[in-house]
N, C-alpha and C. Protein backbone atom coordinates (compact mmCIF):
# COMPACT_ATOMS: atom_id res chain seq x y z
N UNK A 1 87.00 95.63 99.91
CA UNK A 1 88.44 95.56 99.98
C UNK A 1 88.98 96.95 100.25
N UNK A 2 89.88 97.10 101.16
CA UNK A 2 90.45 98.41 101.43
C UNK A 2 91.47 98.75 100.38
N UNK A 3 91.68 100.06 100.20
CA UNK A 3 92.60 100.49 99.14
C UNK A 3 94.04 100.14 99.47
N UNK A 4 94.33 99.80 100.72
CA UNK A 4 95.70 99.45 101.06
C UNK A 4 95.98 97.96 100.94
N UNK A 5 94.95 97.19 100.63
CA UNK A 5 95.18 95.75 100.50
C UNK A 5 95.81 95.43 99.15
N UNK A 6 96.46 94.30 99.08
CA UNK A 6 97.05 93.87 97.83
C UNK A 6 96.54 92.48 97.51
N UNK A 7 96.62 92.14 96.24
CA UNK A 7 96.18 90.83 95.78
C UNK A 7 97.35 90.18 95.07
N UNK A 8 97.65 88.96 95.43
CA UNK A 8 98.70 88.21 94.75
C UNK A 8 98.16 87.78 93.39
N UNK A 9 98.78 88.26 92.33
CA UNK A 9 98.30 87.95 90.98
C UNK A 9 98.59 86.51 90.59
N UNK A 10 99.43 85.83 91.31
CA UNK A 10 99.73 84.45 90.96
C UNK A 10 101.04 84.37 90.20
N UNK A 11 100.98 83.84 89.00
CA UNK A 11 102.19 83.64 88.22
C UNK A 11 102.74 84.96 87.69
N UNK A 12 104.05 85.02 87.56
CA UNK A 12 104.70 86.21 87.03
C UNK A 12 104.16 86.51 85.64
N UNK A 13 103.97 87.79 85.36
CA UNK A 13 103.48 88.20 84.06
C UNK A 13 101.97 88.29 83.97
N UNK A 14 101.27 87.82 84.99
CA UNK A 14 99.82 87.92 84.98
C UNK A 14 99.39 89.20 85.68
N UNK A 15 98.28 89.74 85.21
CA UNK A 15 97.78 90.97 85.79
C UNK A 15 97.08 90.73 87.11
N UNK A 16 97.22 91.68 87.94
CA UNK A 16 96.49 91.71 89.19
C UNK A 16 95.05 92.13 88.85
N UNK A 17 94.04 91.44 89.34
CA UNK A 17 92.65 91.78 89.00
C UNK A 17 92.12 92.95 89.82
N UNK A 18 92.88 94.01 89.80
CA UNK A 18 92.56 95.24 90.51
C UNK A 18 93.11 96.38 89.67
N UNK A 19 92.29 97.38 89.41
CA UNK A 19 92.69 98.44 88.49
C UNK A 19 92.19 99.80 88.96
N UNK A 20 92.59 100.81 88.20
CA UNK A 20 92.12 102.18 88.45
C UNK A 20 91.40 102.69 87.22
N UNK A 21 90.44 103.56 87.45
CA UNK A 21 89.77 104.33 86.41
C UNK A 21 89.97 105.78 86.80
N UNK A 22 90.58 106.56 85.90
CA UNK A 22 90.86 107.96 86.18
C UNK A 22 90.09 108.82 85.18
N UNK A 23 89.10 109.54 85.68
CA UNK A 23 88.35 110.47 84.85
C UNK A 23 89.08 111.80 84.83
N UNK A 24 89.35 112.31 83.63
CA UNK A 24 89.90 113.65 83.49
C UNK A 24 88.83 114.46 82.77
N UNK A 25 88.41 115.54 83.40
CA UNK A 25 87.34 116.33 82.83
C UNK A 25 87.55 117.81 83.15
N UNK A 26 86.88 118.66 82.37
CA UNK A 26 87.03 120.10 82.56
C UNK A 26 85.89 120.64 83.42
N UNK A 27 86.08 121.85 83.89
CA UNK A 27 85.02 122.48 84.68
C UNK A 27 83.76 122.68 83.85
N UNK A 28 83.88 122.64 82.51
CA UNK A 28 82.72 122.72 81.61
C UNK A 28 82.16 121.34 81.27
N UNK A 29 82.63 120.31 81.97
CA UNK A 29 82.14 118.93 81.84
C UNK A 29 82.51 118.26 80.52
N UNK A 30 83.65 118.62 79.95
CA UNK A 30 84.19 117.87 78.82
C UNK A 30 85.08 116.77 79.39
N UNK A 31 84.95 115.57 78.85
CA UNK A 31 85.63 114.40 79.38
C UNK A 31 86.66 113.90 78.38
N UNK A 32 87.87 113.60 78.85
CA UNK A 32 88.92 113.04 78.01
C UNK A 32 88.69 111.55 77.82
N UNK A 33 88.67 111.11 76.56
CA UNK A 33 88.57 109.68 76.25
C UNK A 33 89.74 109.27 75.38
N UNK A 34 90.14 108.01 75.53
CA UNK A 34 91.25 107.44 74.78
C UNK A 34 90.74 106.23 74.00
N UNK A 35 91.23 106.11 72.77
CA UNK A 35 90.84 104.99 71.90
C UNK A 35 91.87 103.87 72.05
N UNK A 36 91.42 102.70 72.44
CA UNK A 36 92.33 101.57 72.68
C UNK A 36 92.98 101.13 71.37
N UNK A 37 94.25 100.75 71.45
CA UNK A 37 94.94 100.25 70.26
C UNK A 37 94.60 98.79 69.98
N UNK A 38 94.22 98.02 71.02
CA UNK A 38 93.91 96.61 70.81
C UNK A 38 92.46 96.38 70.37
N UNK A 39 91.65 97.43 70.37
CA UNK A 39 90.30 97.37 69.83
C UNK A 39 89.86 98.81 69.58
N UNK A 40 89.96 99.24 68.33
CA UNK A 40 89.72 100.64 68.00
C UNK A 40 88.27 101.07 68.19
N UNK A 41 87.37 100.12 68.42
CA UNK A 41 85.98 100.47 68.72
C UNK A 41 85.80 100.87 70.18
N UNK A 42 86.81 100.63 71.01
CA UNK A 42 86.70 100.88 72.44
C UNK A 42 87.33 102.22 72.81
N UNK A 43 86.51 103.09 73.37
CA UNK A 43 86.95 104.36 73.93
C UNK A 43 86.77 104.28 75.44
N UNK A 44 87.68 104.90 76.17
CA UNK A 44 87.64 104.81 77.63
C UNK A 44 88.38 105.97 78.26
N UNK A 45 88.19 106.11 79.56
CA UNK A 45 89.00 107.02 80.35
C UNK A 45 90.34 106.34 80.60
N UNK A 46 91.22 107.00 81.30
CA UNK A 46 92.50 106.39 81.68
C UNK A 46 92.21 105.20 82.59
N UNK A 47 92.80 104.06 82.28
CA UNK A 47 92.63 102.85 83.09
C UNK A 47 93.94 102.09 83.16
N UNK A 48 94.02 101.20 84.10
CA UNK A 48 95.18 100.33 84.16
C UNK A 48 95.22 99.51 85.42
N UNK A 49 95.87 98.37 85.33
CA UNK A 49 95.99 97.44 86.45
C UNK A 49 97.04 97.91 87.45
N UNK A 50 96.78 97.60 88.71
CA UNK A 50 97.77 97.85 89.74
C UNK A 50 98.89 96.84 89.60
N UNK A 51 100.11 97.30 89.82
CA UNK A 51 101.25 96.39 89.82
C UNK A 51 101.35 95.76 91.21
N UNK A 52 102.17 94.73 91.32
CA UNK A 52 102.34 94.03 92.60
C UNK A 52 102.70 95.03 93.69
N UNK A 53 101.99 94.97 94.81
CA UNK A 53 102.23 95.81 95.99
C UNK A 53 102.05 97.31 95.73
N UNK A 54 101.41 97.69 94.62
CA UNK A 54 101.17 99.11 94.33
C UNK A 54 99.83 99.53 94.93
N UNK A 55 99.80 100.70 95.52
CA UNK A 55 98.56 101.24 96.06
C UNK A 55 97.76 101.90 94.94
N UNK A 56 96.43 101.94 95.07
CA UNK A 56 95.61 102.51 94.00
C UNK A 56 95.98 103.94 93.60
N UNK A 57 96.25 104.83 94.56
CA UNK A 57 96.59 106.21 94.20
C UNK A 57 97.87 106.25 93.38
N UNK A 58 98.85 105.47 93.75
CA UNK A 58 100.11 105.42 92.99
C UNK A 58 99.85 104.91 91.58
N UNK A 59 99.01 103.90 91.45
CA UNK A 59 98.67 103.37 90.12
C UNK A 59 97.93 104.40 89.30
N UNK A 60 97.03 105.15 89.92
CA UNK A 60 96.28 106.19 89.19
C UNK A 60 97.23 107.24 88.63
N UNK A 61 98.17 107.71 89.44
CA UNK A 61 99.14 108.70 88.96
C UNK A 61 100.02 108.11 87.86
N UNK A 62 100.48 106.88 88.05
CA UNK A 62 101.34 106.23 87.05
C UNK A 62 100.61 106.06 85.73
N UNK A 63 99.40 105.52 85.78
CA UNK A 63 98.65 105.30 84.55
C UNK A 63 98.32 106.61 83.84
N UNK A 64 97.95 107.63 84.60
CA UNK A 64 97.65 108.93 84.00
C UNK A 64 98.86 109.46 83.24
N UNK A 65 100.03 109.39 83.86
CA UNK A 65 101.24 109.89 83.20
C UNK A 65 101.63 109.01 82.02
N UNK A 66 101.57 107.68 82.18
CA UNK A 66 101.95 106.78 81.08
C UNK A 66 101.02 106.95 79.88
N UNK A 67 99.72 107.09 80.13
CA UNK A 67 98.75 107.09 79.04
C UNK A 67 98.51 108.45 78.41
N UNK A 68 98.81 109.53 79.14
CA UNK A 68 98.52 110.87 78.62
C UNK A 68 99.67 111.85 78.71
N UNK A 69 100.68 111.53 79.51
CA UNK A 69 101.76 112.48 79.75
C UNK A 69 101.40 113.52 80.79
N UNK A 70 100.19 113.46 81.34
CA UNK A 70 99.73 114.46 82.30
C UNK A 70 100.11 114.09 83.74
N UNK A 71 100.43 115.11 84.51
CA UNK A 71 100.64 114.97 85.94
C UNK A 71 99.65 115.93 86.58
N UNK A 72 98.63 115.38 87.24
CA UNK A 72 97.55 116.18 87.80
C UNK A 72 97.27 115.76 89.24
N UNK A 73 96.69 116.69 90.00
CA UNK A 73 96.19 116.33 91.32
C UNK A 73 94.95 115.48 91.13
N UNK A 74 94.88 114.38 91.83
CA UNK A 74 93.76 113.46 91.69
C UNK A 74 92.92 113.41 92.95
N UNK A 75 91.63 113.21 92.74
CA UNK A 75 90.70 112.97 93.84
C UNK A 75 90.48 111.46 93.92
N UNK A 76 90.65 110.91 95.11
CA UNK A 76 90.34 109.51 95.36
C UNK A 76 88.91 109.47 95.86
N UNK A 77 88.02 108.91 95.08
CA UNK A 77 86.61 108.85 95.47
C UNK A 77 86.34 107.75 96.49
N UNK A 78 87.38 106.98 96.81
CA UNK A 78 87.28 105.91 97.81
C UNK A 78 86.10 104.99 97.50
N UNK A 79 85.99 104.67 96.22
CA UNK A 79 84.94 103.78 95.75
C UNK A 79 85.56 102.72 94.84
N UNK A 80 84.97 101.55 94.91
CA UNK A 80 85.35 100.50 93.97
C UNK A 80 84.09 99.96 93.30
N UNK A 81 84.29 99.49 92.10
CA UNK A 81 83.24 98.78 91.37
C UNK A 81 83.85 97.46 90.91
N UNK A 82 83.02 96.44 90.87
CA UNK A 82 83.50 95.15 90.38
C UNK A 82 82.80 94.84 89.07
N UNK A 83 83.55 94.21 88.19
CA UNK A 83 82.95 93.77 86.92
C UNK A 83 83.64 92.50 86.47
N UNK A 84 82.92 91.67 85.70
CA UNK A 84 83.54 90.44 85.20
C UNK A 84 84.64 90.76 84.19
N UNK A 85 85.71 90.02 84.26
CA UNK A 85 86.80 90.20 83.29
C UNK A 85 86.32 89.63 81.96
N UNK A 86 86.38 90.44 80.90
CA UNK A 86 85.90 90.03 79.58
C UNK A 86 86.73 88.87 79.05
N UNK A 87 86.06 87.99 78.31
CA UNK A 87 86.70 86.80 77.77
C UNK A 87 87.95 87.13 76.97
N UNK A 88 87.93 88.21 76.22
CA UNK A 88 89.07 88.56 75.37
C UNK A 88 90.32 88.90 76.17
N UNK A 89 90.17 89.22 77.47
CA UNK A 89 91.32 89.58 78.30
C UNK A 89 91.58 88.58 79.42
N UNK A 90 90.83 87.50 79.49
CA UNK A 90 90.97 86.53 80.59
C UNK A 90 92.37 85.94 80.67
N UNK A 91 93.02 85.74 79.54
CA UNK A 91 94.34 85.10 79.55
C UNK A 91 95.40 85.95 80.24
N UNK A 92 95.13 87.22 80.45
CA UNK A 92 96.08 88.12 81.11
C UNK A 92 96.09 87.94 82.62
N UNK A 93 95.10 87.23 83.15
CA UNK A 93 94.89 87.13 84.58
C UNK A 93 95.08 85.70 85.07
N UNK A 94 95.30 85.53 86.39
CA UNK A 94 95.36 84.18 86.95
C UNK A 94 94.04 83.46 86.72
N UNK A 95 94.08 82.14 86.66
CA UNK A 95 92.88 81.34 86.41
C UNK A 95 91.76 81.62 87.41
N UNK A 96 92.11 81.89 88.66
CA UNK A 96 91.10 82.09 89.69
C UNK A 96 90.39 83.44 89.58
N UNK A 97 90.94 84.37 88.81
CA UNK A 97 90.39 85.73 88.75
C UNK A 97 89.29 85.80 87.70
N UNK A 98 88.07 85.99 88.15
CA UNK A 98 86.94 86.13 87.23
C UNK A 98 86.40 87.55 87.22
N UNK A 99 86.66 88.30 88.29
CA UNK A 99 86.19 89.68 88.39
C UNK A 99 87.36 90.61 88.67
N UNK A 100 87.21 91.85 88.23
CA UNK A 100 88.19 92.89 88.48
C UNK A 100 87.59 93.92 89.43
N UNK A 101 88.41 94.43 90.32
CA UNK A 101 87.99 95.51 91.23
C UNK A 101 88.63 96.80 90.72
N UNK A 102 87.78 97.79 90.46
CA UNK A 102 88.23 99.05 89.86
C UNK A 102 88.06 100.19 90.87
N UNK A 103 89.14 100.95 91.12
CA UNK A 103 89.16 102.09 92.03
C UNK A 103 88.94 103.36 91.22
N UNK A 104 88.09 104.26 91.73
CA UNK A 104 87.72 105.48 91.00
C UNK A 104 88.49 106.70 91.47
N UNK A 105 89.10 107.39 90.50
CA UNK A 105 89.82 108.65 90.72
C UNK A 105 89.38 109.65 89.67
N UNK A 106 89.60 110.93 89.95
CA UNK A 106 89.28 111.94 88.95
C UNK A 106 90.16 113.16 89.12
N UNK A 107 90.19 113.96 88.05
CA UNK A 107 90.87 115.25 88.05
C UNK A 107 90.02 116.22 87.24
N UNK A 108 89.63 117.32 87.88
CA UNK A 108 88.88 118.37 87.19
C UNK A 108 89.87 119.48 86.87
N UNK A 109 89.97 119.83 85.60
CA UNK A 109 90.92 120.85 85.16
C UNK A 109 90.16 122.02 84.54
N UNK A 110 90.84 123.14 84.39
CA UNK A 110 90.21 124.36 83.87
C UNK A 110 89.70 124.18 82.44
N UNK A 111 90.57 123.66 81.59
CA UNK A 111 90.19 123.53 80.18
C UNK A 111 90.92 122.33 79.57
N UNK A 112 90.50 121.99 78.37
CA UNK A 112 91.09 120.84 77.67
C UNK A 112 92.60 121.00 77.53
N UNK A 113 93.32 119.91 77.73
CA UNK A 113 94.77 119.88 77.57
C UNK A 113 95.12 118.90 76.45
N UNK A 114 96.23 119.18 75.78
CA UNK A 114 96.76 118.23 74.81
C UNK A 114 97.38 117.08 75.59
N UNK A 115 97.27 115.88 75.04
CA UNK A 115 97.86 114.71 75.70
C UNK A 115 98.86 114.04 74.77
N UNK A 116 99.78 113.31 75.39
CA UNK A 116 100.78 112.53 74.65
C UNK A 116 100.42 111.06 74.85
N UNK A 117 100.07 110.40 73.75
CA UNK A 117 99.64 109.01 73.82
C UNK A 117 100.80 108.04 73.60
N UNK A 118 100.69 106.88 74.21
CA UNK A 118 101.58 105.76 73.93
C UNK A 118 100.87 104.93 72.86
N UNK A 119 101.37 104.90 71.60
CA UNK A 119 100.67 104.20 70.53
C UNK A 119 100.52 102.69 70.77
N UNK A 120 101.30 102.14 71.67
CA UNK A 120 101.12 100.72 72.00
C UNK A 120 99.82 100.51 72.77
N UNK A 121 99.32 101.57 73.42
CA UNK A 121 98.09 101.45 74.21
C UNK A 121 96.90 102.16 73.59
N UNK A 122 97.14 103.34 72.98
CA UNK A 122 96.02 104.14 72.48
C UNK A 122 96.33 104.75 71.12
N UNK A 123 95.31 104.79 70.27
CA UNK A 123 95.44 105.32 68.92
C UNK A 123 95.10 106.80 68.83
N UNK A 124 94.18 107.26 69.67
CA UNK A 124 93.69 108.62 69.56
C UNK A 124 93.11 109.06 70.90
N UNK A 125 92.89 110.36 71.01
CA UNK A 125 92.21 110.91 72.18
C UNK A 125 91.20 111.92 71.68
N UNK A 126 90.19 112.16 72.50
CA UNK A 126 89.22 113.20 72.18
C UNK A 126 88.57 113.69 73.46
N UNK A 127 88.15 114.93 73.39
CA UNK A 127 87.38 115.53 74.47
C UNK A 127 85.93 115.58 74.01
N UNK A 128 85.04 115.04 74.82
CA UNK A 128 83.62 115.03 74.51
C UNK A 128 82.83 115.57 75.70
N UNK A 129 81.64 116.09 75.41
CA UNK A 129 80.75 116.46 76.51
C UNK A 129 80.51 115.20 77.34
N UNK A 130 80.16 115.39 78.59
CA UNK A 130 79.93 114.23 79.46
C UNK A 130 78.86 113.30 78.89
N UNK A 131 77.80 113.87 78.35
CA UNK A 131 76.73 113.05 77.77
C UNK A 131 77.23 112.25 76.58
N UNK A 132 77.99 112.90 75.69
CA UNK A 132 78.55 112.18 74.55
C UNK A 132 79.59 111.16 74.98
N UNK A 133 80.36 111.48 76.01
CA UNK A 133 81.36 110.53 76.52
C UNK A 133 80.68 109.29 77.08
N UNK A 134 79.56 109.47 77.77
CA UNK A 134 78.84 108.31 78.30
C UNK A 134 78.37 107.39 77.18
N UNK A 135 78.01 107.96 76.04
CA UNK A 135 77.59 107.15 74.89
C UNK A 135 78.77 106.49 74.20
N UNK A 136 79.93 107.11 74.27
CA UNK A 136 81.10 106.62 73.54
C UNK A 136 81.86 105.51 74.26
N UNK A 137 81.87 105.52 75.60
CA UNK A 137 82.68 104.53 76.32
C UNK A 137 82.05 103.14 76.23
N UNK A 138 82.91 102.13 76.17
CA UNK A 138 82.41 100.76 76.07
C UNK A 138 82.09 100.15 77.44
N UNK A 139 82.65 100.70 78.48
CA UNK A 139 82.55 100.10 79.82
C UNK A 139 81.40 100.70 80.62
N UNK A 140 80.60 99.82 81.20
CA UNK A 140 79.51 100.27 82.06
C UNK A 140 80.03 101.02 83.28
N UNK A 141 81.14 100.58 83.85
CA UNK A 141 81.67 101.27 85.03
C UNK A 141 82.18 102.65 84.65
N UNK A 142 82.69 102.81 83.44
CA UNK A 142 83.14 104.12 82.97
C UNK A 142 81.93 105.06 82.81
N UNK A 143 80.83 104.54 82.24
CA UNK A 143 79.60 105.33 82.11
C UNK A 143 79.08 105.77 83.49
N UNK A 144 79.05 104.82 84.42
CA UNK A 144 78.58 105.12 85.78
C UNK A 144 79.45 106.19 86.44
N UNK A 145 80.74 106.10 86.25
CA UNK A 145 81.66 107.06 86.86
C UNK A 145 81.46 108.46 86.26
N UNK A 146 81.28 108.55 84.96
CA UNK A 146 81.03 109.85 84.33
C UNK A 146 79.73 110.45 84.88
N UNK A 147 78.71 109.63 84.95
CA UNK A 147 77.43 110.10 85.49
C UNK A 147 77.59 110.62 86.90
N UNK A 148 78.24 109.84 87.74
CA UNK A 148 78.39 110.19 89.15
C UNK A 148 79.28 111.41 89.36
N UNK A 149 80.47 111.39 88.79
CA UNK A 149 81.47 112.40 89.09
C UNK A 149 81.27 113.69 88.30
N UNK A 150 81.02 113.55 87.01
CA UNK A 150 80.98 114.74 86.15
C UNK A 150 79.58 115.36 86.12
N UNK A 151 78.56 114.54 85.98
CA UNK A 151 77.21 115.07 85.80
C UNK A 151 76.44 115.32 87.09
N UNK A 152 76.79 114.63 88.15
CA UNK A 152 76.05 114.79 89.41
C UNK A 152 76.81 115.68 90.39
N UNK A 153 77.15 116.85 89.92
CA UNK A 153 77.80 117.86 90.78
C UNK A 153 79.06 117.36 91.46
N UNK A 154 79.77 116.48 90.76
CA UNK A 154 81.07 116.02 91.24
C UNK A 154 80.96 115.35 92.61
N UNK A 155 79.88 114.60 92.80
CA UNK A 155 79.68 113.88 94.06
C UNK A 155 80.75 112.81 94.17
N UNK A 156 81.32 112.59 95.29
CA UNK A 156 82.30 111.56 95.41
C UNK A 156 82.60 111.27 96.81
């Protein structure tokens, strides 16, 4: 699927099964993780669904600012990964949507920054080494992205 394509989510209020994953990391390979408010066992990078007719880069910037208060230059890795939508979140999507398409973005910054969280979405944030971040995230696509972007010489 091209990044300029859009998907009709179906009924109003349902999520579009297309999202962004935004890795924020330092030049020393520390990765920003956020603790989800709807499941405190889940730590992740910045993520979020694309809104109707929204392009992936616009969604990445919007989600980064909404979830952290940060405005950063982002790299579009022009990659997507697909994964099955977890049962606990299926009701948020149209009946026909069984998989989500995730677009990968990243921002490498000089050093750790303080973030401003939206408590409706996240309870806490932490900076971890890339290796520790890979162990902490619940999502396989998040682990793969950390490995690829942060640990493999920022290949993208």
